[in-house]
Amino acid sequence: MWGMAVTRRFLARLPIFALLLLIVSGPLWIRSYQFSGSIFGPRYFPGAGSEEARLIRNPHITPVTIAANVLRNVSLDVGLPNERINKVLTRIFSKLIRAIGADPSDPSQIVVAKSGRLYPFAVWVDTLMETESSNPMQTVVFFVAGALYLANFKKMKHSTGWLGVGIIGAFILYSAVVRWSPWNARYQLPLFVLAAAFAALVLPRILPRALILGISFLFLVLALPFALRNSTRPLLTKEGKNSILLMPRNETYFLDQHRSYADSFIAAADAVRGQECHSIGLDSNLLHLDYPMLALLTADKTQRRLSYVAVHNGTERYKSGAQQPCIVICLECAHAREKWL
């Protein structure tokens, strides 16, 4: 899309950009390569079930699997906060996927959760949960912009068309490489940022100014619920007291679908901080909710050594020979007999 003068300036400065990239990311790449044999880290994420089921990438890439995953990923961006509509959409997309010869809930194309559970294909959305929200308005505007571009092709800049083609191509490549899950819409955010630029290059050239202002105002209004009532850090809530402006800070760590753990975690951290122990062990094998506990343990600014215990994975070789823990916090272990033993 650039002219030659801009391209030459970019190429001249590219070595500096590459050097900055290596300074920031190089050490991480080296450590990942030493640990897993790849600069991208392990092939699968930790959790229950088989390693093959926990692969993030698609193990089998064929025209059929790509087309099926494109349909699955499009479904993530058309969901609405209406169960009846989403059930209809699930049936429509399932029929389309079967029509091309694929199983909508094929376990080889869908990522399992850390618990080992496989969530079958379905169109579903939690509007105020950032990991499970959809992008229906952005999707509609992008396709409308694309249709208007094609309808007015002769008077449009061809470089704008290449941007649109690039976005669609990137979406297809993403669908080819990454396995589907119900919370994958968040990974598409960079593409929707670029899609907004495409719409901004097309719509003002064709639509009247009043309509453009109306679309912009609509997007601002639709953004308000997400900004004010995001479920992980709400400013306004129906209950009022659950706003992050009113809640104690240590309770806000559990807003991400873990409210029931708040009391026990806070009590455990208070008990530990009341002891003359400065080497704390953390066993998070049964529950990977360690970040809130780490924050609670360091809330009083006292210097403590925190380490993981009972580690049974590839990171075990990095175990330190420093002081052993004098207290161990075991998450989700109250009713686990083997942990008590």
Protein backbone atom coordinates (compact mmCIF):
# COMPACT_ATOMS: atom_id res chain seq x y z
CA MET A 1 0.00 0.00 0.00
CA TRP A 2 3.01 2.32 0.44
CA GLY A 3 4.74 4.40 -2.21
CA MET A 4 8.38 3.70 -3.07
CA ALA A 5 9.75 6.60 -0.98
CA VAL A 6 8.01 5.38 2.19
CA THR A 7 8.99 1.78 1.46
CA ARG A 8 12.67 2.75 1.12
CA ARG A 9 12.59 4.63 4.45
CA PHE A 10 10.98 1.62 6.12
CA LEU A 11 13.59 -0.79 4.74
CA ALA A 12 16.41 1.53 5.85
CA ARG A 13 15.05 1.57 9.40
CA LEU A 14 14.12 -2.10 9.50
CA PRO A 15 17.45 -3.25 11.08
CA ILE A 16 16.89 -0.88 14.02
CA PHE A 17 13.36 -2.20 14.49
CA ALA A 18 14.63 -5.79 14.32
CA LEU A 19 17.31 -5.00 16.93
CA LEU A 20 14.72 -3.55 19.32
CA LEU A 21 12.57 -6.65 18.78
CA LEU A 22 15.48 -8.95 19.61
CA ILE A 23 16.38 -6.97 22.74
CA VAL A 24 12.85 -7.37 24.10
CA SER A 25 11.92 -10.84 22.86
CA GLY A 26 15.29 -12.54 22.27
CA PRO A 27 15.89 -13.69 25.88
CA LEU A 28 12.34 -15.08 26.06
CA TRP A 29 12.83 -16.95 22.78
CA ILE A 30 16.11 -18.44 24.02
CA ARG A 31 14.54 -19.58 27.29
CA SER A 32 11.53 -21.07 25.47
CA TYR A 33 13.81 -22.89 23.03
CA GLN A 34 15.98 -24.30 25.83
CA PHE A 35 12.89 -25.50 27.69
CA SER A 36 10.75 -26.90 24.87
CA GLY A 37 12.84 -26.96 21.68
CA SER A 38 10.77 -24.15 20.14
CA ILE A 39 10.89 -20.38 20.52
CA PHE A 40 7.08 -20.52 20.80
CA GLY A 41 7.16 -22.70 23.91
CA PRO A 42 5.46 -26.08 24.50
CA ARG A 43 3.19 -27.46 21.79
CA TYR A 44 0.32 -27.84 24.25
CA PHE A 45 -0.90 -26.04 27.37
CA PRO A 46 -1.00 -27.74 30.81
CA GLY A 47 -4.16 -29.40 32.07
CA ALA A 48 -6.15 -32.62 32.18
CA GLY A 49 -6.69 -34.99 29.29
CA SER A 50 -4.35 -36.01 26.49
CA GLU A 51 -1.60 -33.74 25.20
CA GLU A 52 -3.04 -34.05 21.68
CA ALA A 53 -6.37 -32.61 22.87
CA ARG A 54 -4.56 -29.65 24.46
CA LEU A 55 -2.76 -28.58 21.29
CA ILE A 56 -3.60 -25.00 20.35
CA ARG A 57 -2.72 -25.53 16.69
CA ASN A 58 -4.69 -27.64 14.22
CA PRO A 59 -2.94 -31.02 13.85
CA HIS A 60 -4.59 -31.69 10.44
CA ILE A 61 -4.83 -28.88 7.90
CA THR A 62 -6.92 -29.68 4.82
CA PRO A 63 -9.29 -27.61 2.66
CA VAL A 64 -12.27 -29.14 4.49
CA THR A 65 -10.91 -28.46 8.00
CA ILE A 66 -9.99 -24.89 7.01
CA ALA A 67 -13.48 -24.22 5.61
CA ALA A 68 -15.11 -25.77 8.70
CA ASN A 69 -13.00 -23.66 11.04
CA VAL A 70 -13.74 -20.50 9.04
CA LEU A 71 -17.44 -21.16 9.63
CA ARG A 72 -16.86 -21.87 13.33
CA ASN A 73 -14.89 -18.64 13.74
CA VAL A 74 -17.47 -16.59 11.85
CA SER A 75 -20.06 -17.99 14.28
CA LEU A 76 -18.11 -16.44 17.17
CA ASP A 77 -18.81 -13.00 15.71
CA VAL A 78 -22.54 -13.29 15.06
CA GLY A 79 -23.70 -14.45 18.48
CA LEU A 80 -26.20 -12.26 20.32
CA PRO A 81 -27.28 -12.06 23.99
CA ASN A 82 -30.38 -14.09 23.13
CA GLU A 83 -30.44 -17.85 23.75
CA ARG A 84 -33.21 -18.57 21.24
CA ILE A 85 -31.42 -16.75 18.38
CA ASN A 86 -28.11 -18.44 19.24
CA LYS A 87 -29.73 -21.89 19.13
CA VAL A 88 -31.04 -21.13 15.63
CA LEU A 89 -27.58 -19.91 14.59
CA THR A 90 -26.01 -23.07 16.04
CA ARG A 91 -28.27 -25.23 13.86
CA ILE A 92 -27.55 -23.15 10.75
CA PHE A 93 -23.76 -23.23 11.17
CA SER A 94 -23.80 -26.93 12.11
CA LYS A 95 -25.67 -27.75 8.90
CA LEU A 96 -23.21 -25.69 6.84
CA ILE A 97 -20.23 -27.46 8.43
CA ARG A 98 -21.77 -30.89 7.83
CA ALA A 99 -22.55 -29.89 4.23
CA ILE A 100 -18.82 -29.54 3.50
CA GLY A 101 -18.10 -32.94 5.05
CA ALA A 102 -16.95 -32.06 8.58
CA ASP A 103 -18.23 -32.73 12.09
CA PRO A 104 -19.09 -29.44 13.88
CA SER A 105 -17.81 -30.88 17.19
CA ASP A 106 -14.83 -32.80 15.79
CA PRO A 107 -12.50 -33.17 18.85
CA SER A 108 -9.42 -32.95 16.60
CA GLN A 109 -10.41 -29.38 15.61
CA ILE A 110 -11.62 -28.10 18.99
CA VAL A 111 -9.43 -27.27 22.00
CA VAL A 112 -10.36 -28.84 25.34
CA ALA A 113 -10.46 -26.71 28.48
CA LYS A 114 -7.76 -27.07 31.16
CA SER A 115 -10.18 -29.32 33.02
CA GLY A 116 -10.06 -31.75 30.10
CA ARG A 117 -13.67 -30.99 29.14
CA LEU A 118 -14.55 -30.70 25.46
CA TYR A 119 -17.09 -27.96 24.79
CA PRO A 120 -19.10 -29.02 21.69
CA PHE A 121 -19.62 -26.48 18.93
CA ALA A 122 -22.33 -23.95 19.69
CA VAL A 123 -23.01 -20.27 19.10
CA TRP A 124 -23.00 -18.71 22.53
CA VAL A 125 -22.00 -15.38 23.99
CA ASP A 126 -21.60 -13.70 27.36
CA THR A 127 -21.85 -10.06 26.33
CA LEU A 128 -20.12 -8.61 29.39
CA MET A 129 -17.42 -11.30 29.73
CA GLU A 130 -14.44 -10.18 27.64
CA THR A 131 -13.28 -13.74 26.92
CA GLU A 132 -16.71 -14.83 25.65
CA SER A 133 -18.03 -11.73 23.90
CA SER A 134 -18.70 -11.48 20.17
CA ASN A 135 -18.23 -8.78 17.51
CA PRO A 136 -21.52 -8.73 15.56
CA MET A 137 -21.65 -5.00 14.75
CA GLN A 138 -17.99 -4.89 13.68
CA THR A 139 -18.56 -7.93 11.46
CA VAL A 140 -21.61 -6.35 9.80
CA VAL A 141 -19.80 -3.04 9.19
CA PHE A 142 -16.78 -4.81 7.66
CA PHE A 143 -18.92 -6.80 5.21
CA VAL A 144 -21.01 -3.75 4.34
CA ALA A 145 -17.79 -1.83 3.66
CA GLY A 146 -16.54 -4.69 1.50
CA ALA A 147 -19.76 -4.80 -0.52
CA LEU A 148 -19.69 -1.01 -1.03
CA TYR A 149 -16.06 -1.19 -2.11
CA LEU A 150 -16.85 -3.79 -4.77
CA ALA A 151 -19.93 -1.88 -5.93
CA ASN A 152 -17.84 1.29 -6.36
CA PHE A 153 -14.63 -0.44 -7.41
CA LYS A 154 -13.66 1.98 -10.20
CA LYS A 155 -13.56 5.07 -7.99
CA MET A 156 -11.91 3.38 -4.98
CA LYS A 157 -8.18 3.11 -4.27
CA HIS A 158 -6.87 -0.35 -5.08
CA SER A 159 -4.59 -0.28 -2.03
CA THR A 160 -7.71 -0.16 0.16
CA GLY A 161 -8.93 -3.33 -1.55
CA TRP A 162 -5.64 -5.05 -0.82
CA LEU A 163 -6.07 -4.18 2.86
CA GLY A 164 -9.50 -5.86 2.82
CA VAL A 165 -8.09 -8.91 1.03
CA GLY A 166 -5.27 -9.07 3.59
CA ILE A 167 -7.74 -9.05 6.50
CA ILE A 168 -9.80 -11.85 4.96
CA GLY A 169 -6.64 -13.81 4.15
CA ALA A 170 -5.37 -13.41 7.71
CA PHE A 171 -8.72 -14.63 9.06
CA ILE A 172 -8.51 -17.74 6.84
CA LEU A 173 -4.90 -18.42 7.91
CA TYR A 174 -5.91 -18.00 11.56
CA SER A 175 -8.74 -20.50 11.02
CA ALA A 176 -6.34 -22.92 9.35
CA VAL A 177 -3.70 -22.86 12.09
CA VAL A 178 -5.59 -22.38 15.39
CA ARG A 179 -8.10 -24.87 16.78
CA TRP A 180 -11.54 -23.56 17.65
CA SER A 181 -12.85 -22.88 21.14
CA PRO A 182 -15.85 -20.87 22.43
CA TRP A 183 -13.52 -18.16 23.78
CA ASN A 184 -11.42 -17.66 20.63
CA ALA A 185 -13.09 -14.40 19.55
CA ARG A 186 -10.59 -12.45 21.68
CA TYR A 187 -7.73 -13.71 19.46
CA GLN A 188 -9.39 -12.01 16.48
CA LEU A 189 -9.17 -8.53 18.04
CA PRO A 190 -6.11 -7.42 15.96
CA LEU A 191 -8.03 -8.26 12.76
CA PHE A 192 -11.04 -6.24 13.87
CA VAL A 193 -8.79 -3.26 14.60
CA LEU A 194 -7.51 -3.50 11.01
CA ALA A 195 -11.07 -4.03 9.76
CA ALA A 196 -12.06 -0.73 11.41
CA ALA A 197 -9.34 0.99 9.35
CA PHE A 198 -10.69 -0.64 6.19
CA ALA A 199 -14.23 0.57 6.98
CA ALA A 200 -12.88 4.07 7.71
CA LEU A 201 -11.23 4.17 4.27
CA VAL A 202 -14.37 3.02 2.42
CA LEU A 203 -17.51 4.32 4.12
CA PRO A 204 -16.77 8.11 4.12
CA ARG A 205 -16.09 7.99 0.36
CA ILE A 206 -19.57 6.60 -0.35
CA LEU A 207 -22.00 7.32 2.50
CA PRO A 208 -23.25 10.78 3.53
CA ARG A 209 -21.55 12.47 6.49
CA ALA A 210 -24.70 12.31 8.64
CA LEU A 211 -24.85 8.51 8.29
CA ILE A 212 -21.14 8.17 9.16
CA LEU A 213 -21.68 10.24 12.31
CA GLY A 214 -24.70 8.09 13.15
CA ILE A 215 -22.67 4.86 12.82
CA SER A 216 -19.87 6.32 14.95
CA PHE A 217 -22.34 7.44 17.63
CA LEU A 218 -23.99 3.99 17.61
CA PHE A 219 -20.63 2.31 18.21
CA LEU A 220 -19.92 4.66 21.13
CA VAL A 221 -23.32 3.91 22.69
CA LEU A 222 -22.84 0.15 22.23
CA ALA A 223 -19.41 0.40 23.90
CA LEU A 224 -20.84 1.85 27.12
CA PRO A 225 -22.12 -1.44 28.61
CA PHE A 226 -18.69 -3.06 28.01
CA ALA A 227 -16.85 -0.11 29.53
CA LEU A 228 -19.14 0.32 32.54
CA ARG A 229 -20.35 -3.23 33.29
CA ASN A 230 -17.48 -5.47 32.19
CA SER A 231 -17.91 -8.47 34.49
CA THR A 232 -14.24 -8.67 35.51
CA ARG A 233 -13.98 -4.99 36.60
CA PRO A 234 -17.45 -3.41 36.65
CA LEU A 235 -17.86 0.27 37.40
CA LEU A 236 -21.65 -0.02 37.61
CA THR A 237 -23.68 -3.09 38.64
CA LYS A 238 -27.29 -3.86 39.46
CA GLU A 239 -26.28 -4.70 43.03
CA GLY A 240 -24.20 -1.53 43.36
CA LYS A 241 -21.85 -2.93 46.01
CA ASN A 242 -20.07 -5.13 43.45
CA SER A 243 -18.52 -2.15 41.68
CA ILE A 244 -14.72 -2.08 41.76
CA LEU A 245 -15.09 1.48 43.07
CA LEU A 246 -16.69 0.10 46.25
CA MET A 247 -15.32 -3.44 46.64
CA PRO A 248 -12.22 -4.14 48.75
CA ARG A 249 -9.28 -4.57 46.39
CA ASN A 250 -8.55 -8.13 47.55
CA GLU A 251 -12.07 -9.23 46.51
CA THR A 252 -11.72 -7.83 42.98
CA TYR A 253 -9.09 -10.49 42.18
CA PHE A 254 -11.91 -13.07 42.04
CA LEU A 255 -14.39 -11.30 39.76
CA ASP A 256 -13.30 -13.45 36.81
CA GLN A 257 -15.79 -16.29 37.54
CA HIS A 258 -14.17 -17.24 40.88
CA ARG A 259 -16.22 -15.27 43.41
CA SER A 260 -16.81 -18.37 45.57
CA TYR A 261 -13.08 -18.67 46.32
CA ALA A 262 -12.59 -15.18 47.72
CA ASP A 263 -13.32 -15.83 51.42
CA SER A 264 -11.16 -18.95 51.73
CA PHE A 265 -8.22 -17.44 49.80
CA ILE A 266 -8.27 -14.23 51.83
CA ALA A 267 -8.50 -16.16 55.11
CA ALA A 268 -5.61 -18.46 54.13
CA ALA A 269 -3.40 -15.53 53.09
CA ASP A 270 -4.17 -13.68 56.34
CA ALA A 271 -3.26 -16.79 58.36
CA VAL A 272 0.05 -17.19 56.51
CA ARG A 273 0.99 -13.53 56.86
CA GLY A 274 0.43 -13.84 60.61
CA GLN A 275 3.16 -16.49 60.90
CA GLU A 276 6.90 -15.96 61.28
CA CYS A 277 7.56 -17.76 57.99
CA HIS A 278 9.22 -16.08 55.03
CA SER A 279 9.44 -19.03 52.63
CA ILE A 280 6.01 -19.98 51.29
CA GLY A 281 5.28 -22.96 49.06
CA LEU A 282 2.32 -23.03 46.67
CA ASP A 283 0.71 -26.24 45.37
CA SER A 284 -1.60 -25.31 42.48
CA ASN A 285 -1.94 -28.74 40.85
CA LEU A 286 -5.67 -29.06 41.59
CA LEU A 287 -6.56 -25.42 40.92
CA HIS A 288 -4.66 -23.07 38.58
CA LEU A 289 -5.83 -19.95 40.41
CA ASP A 290 -2.46 -18.90 41.78
CA TYR A 291 -2.37 -15.20 40.74
CA PRO A 292 -4.89 -14.02 43.38
CA MET A 293 -3.01 -15.91 46.10
CA LEU A 294 0.33 -14.40 45.03
CA ALA A 295 -1.22 -10.93 45.19
CA LEU A 296 -2.76 -11.56 48.63
CA LEU A 297 0.48 -12.93 50.09
CA THR A 298 2.45 -9.85 49.07
CA ALA A 299 -0.21 -7.28 50.02
CA ASP A 300 1.59 -6.23 53.21
CA LYS A 301 4.87 -5.51 51.31
CA THR A 302 6.80 -7.93 53.56
CA GLN A 303 9.64 -9.69 51.74
CA ARG A 304 8.79 -13.38 51.29
CA ARG A 305 10.16 -16.13 49.10
CA LEU A 306 7.40 -17.78 47.08
CA SER A 307 7.97 -21.09 45.29
CA TYR A 308 5.91 -23.86 43.73
CA VAL A 309 5.92 -27.34 45.27
CA ALA A 310 4.77 -30.78 44.04
CA VAL A 311 5.66 -29.80 40.48
CA HIS A 312 5.30 -32.65 37.98
CA ASN A 313 6.06 -31.16 34.56
CA GLY A 314 9.02 -30.05 32.45
CA THR A 315 9.76 -27.02 34.64
CA GLU A 316 10.74 -29.34 37.50
CA ARG A 317 14.37 -29.13 36.40
CA TYR A 318 14.47 -25.44 37.32
CA LYS A 319 13.87 -26.21 41.01
CA SER A 320 15.95 -23.98 43.26
CA GLY A 321 18.15 -25.36 46.01
CA ALA A 322 17.33 -22.39 48.23
CA GLN A 323 15.50 -22.50 51.56
CA GLN A 324 12.64 -25.02 51.73
CA PRO A 325 9.13 -23.67 52.48
CA CYS A 326 8.03 -23.61 56.12
CA ILE A 327 4.37 -23.27 55.06
CA VAL A 328 2.64 -24.79 52.03
CA ILE A 329 -0.62 -23.41 50.65
CA CYS A 330 -2.49 -26.08 48.69
CA LEU A 331 -5.25 -24.71 46.45
CA GLU A 332 -8.53 -26.69 46.27
CA CYS A 333 -7.08 -29.34 48.63
CA ALA A 334 -9.49 -29.17 51.60
CA HIS A 335 -11.40 -32.25 50.39
CA ALA A 336 -8.51 -34.00 48.61
CA ARG A 337 -7.49 -36.94 50.81
CA GLU A 338 -4.30 -37.63 48.85
CA LYS A 339 -3.12 -34.07 49.45
CA TRP A 340 -3.73 -34.34 53.21
CA LEU A 341 -1.66 -37.53 53.26
